[in-house]
């Protein structure tokens, strides 16, 4: 059986990664989705094991020590990571498996996985000014936190040049972005 492909969905906070992933899952039911682990608090409407595996800091650090993560990063005082087991089983089954992943994590995966086993799809939502309201709508934050997000946006946007595919998700163009994202996944699937 042909091994699957790990699709790293990368883009700035508020770029619509999860919206596009959910749209693709509706029309491509054979897609697998890697649930990431985090130490951040669960937000209203989120479910453990569905949106994230919500772990204590101690449990997360134990898994780091065990080598259970393919990649992990610390952001905003919380850990985020992709469990190796989530990816390996899907690849062995020949599936396309998607992850909404931080740029830092994508860089780590790029350094530890065979190039033929993954593809990077960058979600471009335009300049920071067009994302500010999306970012603020997700969770309340101080001006200092917003500035940290802006600086992170600059780092994340620099990764665009390293992506295999770019999907534009500009304001008012969500349906076009969903269609383009599914087309990219179909192309990767072959």
Foldseek 3Di string as FASTA:
>chain_A
DAFAAEEEEAAAPLLCSVVLVVLLCVVPVQEAEFAKEKCDDDDPPDDDPPNHPHDHPVVVVVCVVVVQFLFWDDDPNMIITTGPVSRVVRRVVHHYYYYHDYPRRVVSNVVPDPPLRYFYEYEAADDPVQRLVSNCVVDPDDPVVSVVSNVSNVVRVVCVVVGPHYAYDYPPCNVVSSVVSSVVVVVSSD
